[in-house]
Amino acid sequence: GKTTLAKIIANTTNNNFTTLNAVT
């Protein structure tokens, strides 16, 4: 659930939300 929880935060936060994948 690590990524899932991050996406839930993205849906609920009033802050900007952006992502990076360390592999790429």
PDB file of all heavy atoms in Angstrom:
ATOM      1  N   GLY A   1       0.767  -1.242   0.000  1.00  0.00           N
ATOM      2  CA  GLY A   1       0.000   0.000   0.000  1.00  0.00           C
ATOM      3  C   GLY A   1       0.796   1.289   0.000  1.00  0.00           C
ATOM      4  O   GLY A   1       0.220   2.362   0.172  1.00  0.00           O
ATOM      5  N   LYS A   2       2.095   1.242  -0.225  1.00  0.00           N
ATOM      6  CA  LYS A   2       2.911   2.455  -0.161  1.00  0.00           C
ATOM      7  C   LYS A   2       2.498   3.451  -1.253  1.00  0.00           C
ATOM      8  O   LYS A   2       2.216   4.621  -0.974  1.00  0.00           O
ATOM      9  CB  LYS A   2       4.405   2.103  -0.297  1.00  0.00           C
ATOM     10  CG  LYS A   2       4.922   1.172   0.795  1.00  0.00           C
ATOM     11  CD  LYS A   2       6.410   0.938   0.711  1.00  0.00           C
ATOM     12  CE  LYS A   2       6.801   0.221  -0.570  1.00  0.00           C
ATOM     13  NZ  LYS A   2       6.229  -1.145  -0.644  1.00  0.00           N
ATOM     14  N   THR A   3       2.468   2.983  -2.488  1.00  0.00           N
ATOM     15  CA  THR A   3       2.084   3.853  -3.603  1.00  0.00           C
ATOM     16  C   THR A   3       0.615   4.237  -3.506  1.00  0.00           C
ATOM     17  O   THR A   3       0.239   5.377  -3.791  1.00  0.00           O
ATOM     18  CB  THR A   3       2.372   3.156  -4.948  1.00  0.00           C
ATOM     19  OG1 THR A   3       3.766   2.831  -5.035  1.00  0.00           O
ATOM     20  CG2 THR A   3       1.994   4.064  -6.119  1.00  0.00           C
ATOM     21  N   THR A   4      -0.227   3.299  -3.095  1.00  0.00           N
ATOM     22  CA  THR A   4      -1.655   3.578  -2.943  1.00  0.00           C
ATOM     23  C   THR A   4      -1.894   4.705  -1.951  1.00  0.00           C
ATOM     24  O   THR A   4      -2.676   5.625  -2.206  1.00  0.00           O
ATOM     25  CB  THR A   4      -2.395   2.308  -2.483  1.00  0.00           C
ATOM     26  OG1 THR A   4      -2.309   1.320  -3.511  1.00  0.00           O
ATOM     27  CG2 THR A   4      -3.861   2.609  -2.197  1.00  0.00           C
ATOM     28  N   LEU A   5      -1.225   4.654  -0.820  1.00  0.00           N
ATOM     29  CA  LEU A   5      -1.391   5.691   0.194  1.00  0.00           C
ATOM     30  C   LEU A   5      -0.906   7.041  -0.330  1.00  0.00           C
ATOM     31  O   LEU A   5      -1.519   8.077  -0.047  1.00  0.00           O
ATOM     32  CB  LEU A   5      -0.654   5.315   1.476  1.00  0.00           C
ATOM     33  CG  LEU A   5      -0.953   6.196   2.700  1.00  0.00           C
ATOM     34  CD1 LEU A   5      -2.448   6.206   3.014  1.00  0.00           C
ATOM     35  CD2 LEU A   5      -0.152   5.706   3.913  1.00  0.00           C
ATOM     36  N   ALA A   6       0.175   7.021  -1.106  1.00  0.00           N
ATOM     37  CA  ALA A   6       0.669   8.265  -1.710  1.00  0.00           C
ATOM     38  C   ALA A   6      -0.381   8.860  -2.648  1.00  0.00           C
ATOM     39  O   ALA A   6      -0.587  10.078  -2.674  1.00  0.00           O
ATOM     40  CB  ALA A   6       1.974   7.999  -2.458  1.00  0.00           C
ATOM     41  N   LYS A   7      -1.051   8.003  -3.411  1.00  0.00           N
ATOM     42  CA  LYS A   7      -2.092   8.488  -4.342  1.00  0.00           C
ATOM     43  C   LYS A   7      -3.318   8.987  -3.589  1.00  0.00           C
ATOM     44  O   LYS A   7      -3.994   9.916  -4.030  1.00  0.00           O
ATOM     45  CB  LYS A   7      -2.455   7.384  -5.325  1.00  0.00           C
ATOM     46  CG  LYS A   7      -1.327   7.075  -6.311  1.00  0.00           C
ATOM     47  CD  LYS A   7      -1.741   6.122  -7.417  1.00  0.00           C
ATOM     48  CE  LYS A   7      -0.602   5.947  -8.417  1.00  0.00           C
ATOM     49  NZ  LYS A   7      -0.961   5.122  -9.583  1.00  0.00           N
ATOM     50  N   ILE A   8      -3.627   8.372  -2.452  1.00  0.00           N
ATOM     51  CA  ILE A   8      -4.715   8.869  -1.611  1.00  0.00           C
ATOM     52  C   ILE A   8      -4.380  10.261  -1.101  1.00  0.00           C
ATOM     53  O   ILE A   8      -5.229  11.157  -1.078  1.00  0.00           O
ATOM     54  CB  ILE A   8      -4.985   7.894  -0.445  1.00  0.00           C
ATOM     55  CG1 ILE A   8      -5.625   6.614  -0.972  1.00  0.00           C
ATOM     56  CG2 ILE A   8      -5.858   8.544   0.626  1.00  0.00           C
ATOM     57  CD1 ILE A   8      -5.747   5.510   0.071  1.00  0.00           C
ATOM     58  N   ILE A   9      -3.150  10.453  -0.692  1.00  0.00           N
ATOM     59  CA  ILE A   9      -2.688  11.778  -0.261  1.00  0.00           C
ATOM     60  C   ILE A   9      -2.838  12.780  -1.397  1.00  0.00           C
ATOM     61  O   ILE A   9      -3.284  13.916  -1.201  1.00  0.00           O
ATOM     62  CB  ILE A   9      -1.239  11.703   0.239  1.00  0.00           C
ATOM     63  CG1 ILE A   9      -1.166  10.886   1.534  1.00  0.00           C
ATOM     64  CG2 ILE A   9      -0.661  13.104   0.451  1.00  0.00           C
ATOM     65  CD1 ILE A   9       0.256  10.536   1.956  1.00  0.00           C
ATOM     66  N   ALA A  10      -2.499  12.344  -2.607  1.00  0.00           N
ATOM     67  CA  ALA A  10      -2.627  13.217  -3.783  1.00  0.00           C
ATOM     68  C   ALA A  10      -4.069  13.646  -3.990  1.00  0.00           C
ATOM     69  O   ALA A  10      -4.343  14.782  -4.398  1.00  0.00           O
ATOM     70  CB  ALA A  10      -2.105  12.502  -5.030  1.00  0.00           C
ATOM     71  N   ASN A  11      -5.015  12.735  -3.710  1.00  0.00           N
ATOM     72  CA  ASN A  11      -6.437  13.033  -3.913  1.00  0.00           C
ATOM     73  C   ASN A  11      -7.019  13.925  -2.823  1.00  0.00           C
ATOM     74  O   ASN A  11      -8.058  14.559  -3.030  1.00  0.00           O
ATOM     75  CB  ASN A  11      -7.250  11.737  -3.973  1.00  0.00           C
ATOM     76  CG  ASN A  11      -6.932  10.894  -5.192  1.00  0.00           C
ATOM     77  OD1 ASN A  11      -6.527  11.411  -6.221  1.00  0.00           O
ATOM     78  ND2 ASN A  11      -7.096   9.573  -5.074  1.00  0.00           N
ATOM     79  N   THR A  12      -6.371  13.963  -1.657  1.00  0.00           N
ATOM     80  CA  THR A  12      -6.952  14.660  -0.515  1.00  0.00           C
ATOM     81  C   THR A  12      -6.241  15.961  -0.143  1.00  0.00           C
ATOM     82  O   THR A  12      -6.816  16.799   0.540  1.00  0.00           O
ATOM     83  CB  THR A  12      -6.968  13.740   0.724  1.00  0.00           C
ATOM     84  OG1 THR A  12      -5.625  13.308   1.013  1.00  0.00           O
ATOM     85  CG2 THR A  12      -7.836  12.517   0.482  1.00  0.00           C
ATOM     86  N   THR A  13      -5.010  16.127  -0.567  1.00  0.00           N
ATOM     87  CA  THR A  13      -4.232  17.286  -0.145  1.00  0.00           C
ATOM     88  C   THR A  13      -4.596  18.547  -0.926  1.00  0.00           C
ATOM     89  O   THR A  13      -5.034  18.499  -2.077  1.00  0.00           O
ATOM     90  CB  THR A  13      -2.714  17.008  -0.296  1.00  0.00           C
ATOM     91  OG1 THR A  13      -1.977  18.121   0.222  1.00  0.00           O
ATOM     92  CG2 THR A  13      -2.334  16.804  -1.756  1.00  0.00           C
ATOM     93  N   ASN A  14      -4.422  19.688  -0.282  1.00  0.00           N
ATOM     94  CA  ASN A  14      -4.562  20.982  -0.945  1.00  0.00           C
ATOM     95  C   ASN A  14      -3.235  21.475  -1.508  1.00  0.00           C
ATOM     96  O   ASN A  14      -3.187  22.522  -2.159  1.00  0.00           O
ATOM     97  CB  ASN A  14      -5.117  22.017   0.035  1.00  0.00           C
ATOM     98  CG  ASN A  14      -6.578  21.739   0.386  1.00  0.00           C
ATOM     99  OD1 ASN A  14      -7.375  21.391  -0.489  1.00  0.00           O
ATOM    100  ND2 ASN A  14      -6.930  21.885   1.650  1.00  0.00           N
ATOM    101  N   ASN A  15      -2.167  20.721  -1.245  1.00  0.00           N
ATOM    102  CA  ASN A  15      -0.870  21.042  -1.816  1.00  0.00           C
ATOM    103  C   ASN A  15      -0.771  20.502  -3.232  1.00  0.00           C
ATOM    104  O   ASN A  15      -1.563  19.650  -3.657  1.00  0.00           O
ATOM    105  CB  ASN A  15       0.244  20.441  -0.963  1.00  0.00           C
ATOM    106  CG  ASN A  15       0.279  20.997   0.443  1.00  0.00           C
ATOM    107  OD1 ASN A  15       0.380  22.189   0.636  1.00  0.00           O
ATOM    108  ND2 ASN A  15       0.183  20.119   1.439  1.00  0.00           N
ATOM    109  N   ASN A  16       0.199  20.991  -3.974  1.00  0.00           N
ATOM    110  CA  ASN A  16       0.501  20.371  -5.259  1.00  0.00           C
ATOM    111  C   ASN A  16       1.068  18.985  -5.031  1.00  0.00           C
ATOM    112  O   ASN A  16       1.727  18.739  -4.010  1.00  0.00           O
ATOM    113  CB  ASN A  16       1.515  21.215  -6.034  1.00  0.00           C
ATOM    114  CG  ASN A  16       0.964  22.568  -6.434  1.00  0.00           C
ATOM    115  OD1 ASN A  16      -0.116  22.663  -6.999  1.00  0.00           O
ATOM    116  ND2 ASN A  16       1.687  23.634  -6.116  1.00  0.00           N
ATOM    117  N   PHE A  17       0.813  18.094  -5.955  1.00  0.00           N
ATOM    118  CA  PHE A  17       1.311  16.734  -5.845  1.00  0.00           C
ATOM    119  C   PHE A  17       1.949  16.338  -7.159  1.00  0.00           C
ATOM    120  O   PHE A  17       1.332  16.431  -8.224  1.00  0.00           O
ATOM    121  CB  PHE A  17       0.183  15.764  -5.498  1.00  0.00           C
ATOM    122  CG  PHE A  17       0.667  14.375  -5.131  1.00  0.00           C
ATOM    123  CD1 PHE A  17       0.892  14.034  -3.813  1.00  0.00           C
ATOM    124  CD2 PHE A  17       0.907  13.426  -6.104  1.00  0.00           C
ATOM    125  CE1 PHE A  17       1.330  12.764  -3.463  1.00  0.00           C
ATOM    126  CE2 PHE A  17       1.353  12.156  -5.775  1.00  0.00           C
ATOM    127  CZ  PHE A  17       1.562  11.823  -4.446  1.00  0.00           C
ATOM    128  N   THR A  18       3.200  15.906  -7.086  1.00  0.00           N
ATOM    129  CA  THR A  18       3.904  15.471  -8.283  1.00  0.00           C
ATOM    130  C   THR A  18       4.769  14.257  -7.940  1.00  0.00           C
ATOM    131  O   THR A  18       5.039  14.003  -6.764  1.00  0.00           O
ATOM    132  CB  THR A  18       4.766  16.616  -8.862  1.00  0.00           C
ATOM    133  OG1 THR A  18       5.306  16.228 -10.136  1.00  0.00           O
ATOM    134  CG2 THR A  18       5.899  17.016  -7.913  1.00  0.00           C
ATOM    135  N   THR A  19       5.174  13.522  -8.951  1.00  0.00           N
ATOM    136  CA  THR A  19       5.858  12.252  -8.710  1.00  0.00           C
ATOM    137  C   THR A  19       7.145  12.127  -9.524  1.00  0.00           C
ATOM    138  O   THR A  19       7.316  12.786 -10.554  1.00  0.00           O
ATOM    139  CB  THR A  19       4.951  11.053  -9.061  1.00  0.00           C
ATOM    140  OG1 THR A  19       4.696  11.048 -10.473  1.00  0.00           O
ATOM    141  CG2 THR A  19       3.636  11.122  -8.307  1.00  0.00           C
ATOM    142  N   LEU A  20       8.021  11.261  -9.019  1.00  0.00           N
ATOM    143  CA  LEU A  20       9.223  10.835  -9.731  1.00  0.00           C
ATOM    144  C   LEU A  20       9.419   9.350  -9.472  1.00  0.00           C
ATOM    145  O   LEU A  20       9.096   8.862  -8.392  1.00  0.00           O
ATOM    146  CB  LEU A  20      10.470  11.580  -9.242  1.00  0.00           C
ATOM    147  CG  LEU A  20      10.762  12.981  -9.766  1.00  0.00           C
ATOM    148  CD1 LEU A  20      11.991  13.549  -9.052  1.00  0.00           C
ATOM    149  CD2 LEU A  20      10.998  12.981 -11.264  1.00  0.00           C
ATOM    150  N   ASN A  21       9.947   8.652 -10.461  1.00  0.00           N
ATOM    151  CA  ASN A  21      10.369   7.274 -10.254  1.00  0.00           C
ATOM    152  C   ASN A  21      11.887   7.245 -10.282  1.00  0.00           C
ATOM    153  O   ASN A  21      12.505   7.647 -11.264  1.00  0.00           O
ATOM    154  CB  ASN A  21       9.796   6.345 -11.329  1.00  0.00           C
ATOM    155  CG  ASN A  21      10.059   4.870 -11.006  1.00  0.00           C
ATOM    156  OD1 ASN A  21      11.195   4.447 -10.832  1.00  0.00           O
ATOM    157  ND2 ASN A  21       8.988   4.102 -10.908  1.00  0.00           N
ATOM    158  N   ALA A  22      12.489   6.786  -9.198  1.00  0.00           N
ATOM    159  CA  ALA A  22      13.937   6.828  -9.065  1.00  0.00           C
ATOM    160  C   ALA A  22      14.660   5.968 -10.102  1.00  0.00           C
ATOM    161  O   ALA A  22      15.831   6.185 -10.386  1.00  0.00           O
ATOM    162  CB  ALA A  22      14.349   6.412  -7.656  1.00  0.00           C
ATOM    163  N   VAL A  23      13.957   4.991 -10.659  1.00  0.00           N
ATOM    164  CA  VAL A  23      14.577   4.120 -11.660  1.00  0.00           C
ATOM    165  C   VAL A  23      14.831   4.867 -12.960  1.00  0.00           C
ATOM    166  O   VAL A  23      15.857   4.677 -13.618  1.00  0.00           O
ATOM    167  CB  VAL A  23      13.698   2.880 -11.917  1.00  0.00           C
ATOM    168  CG1 VAL A  23      14.294   2.013 -13.026  1.00  0.00           C
ATOM    169  CG2 VAL A  23      13.546   2.060 -10.654  1.00  0.00           C
ATOM    170  N   THR A  24      13.900   5.733 -13.333  1.00  0.00           N
ATOM    171  CA  THR A  24      13.965   6.386 -14.646  1.00  0.00           C
ATOM    172  C   THR A  24      14.349   7.870 -14.578  1.00  0.00           C
ATOM    173  O   THR A  24      14.505   8.509 -15.611  1.00  0.00           O
ATOM    174  CB  THR A  24      12.605   6.267 -15.353  1.00  0.00           C
ATOM    175  OG1 THR A  24      11.577   6.842 -14.528  1.00  0.00           O
ATOM    176  CG2 THR A  24      12.272   4.803 -15.625  1.00  0.00           C
TER     177      THR A  24
END
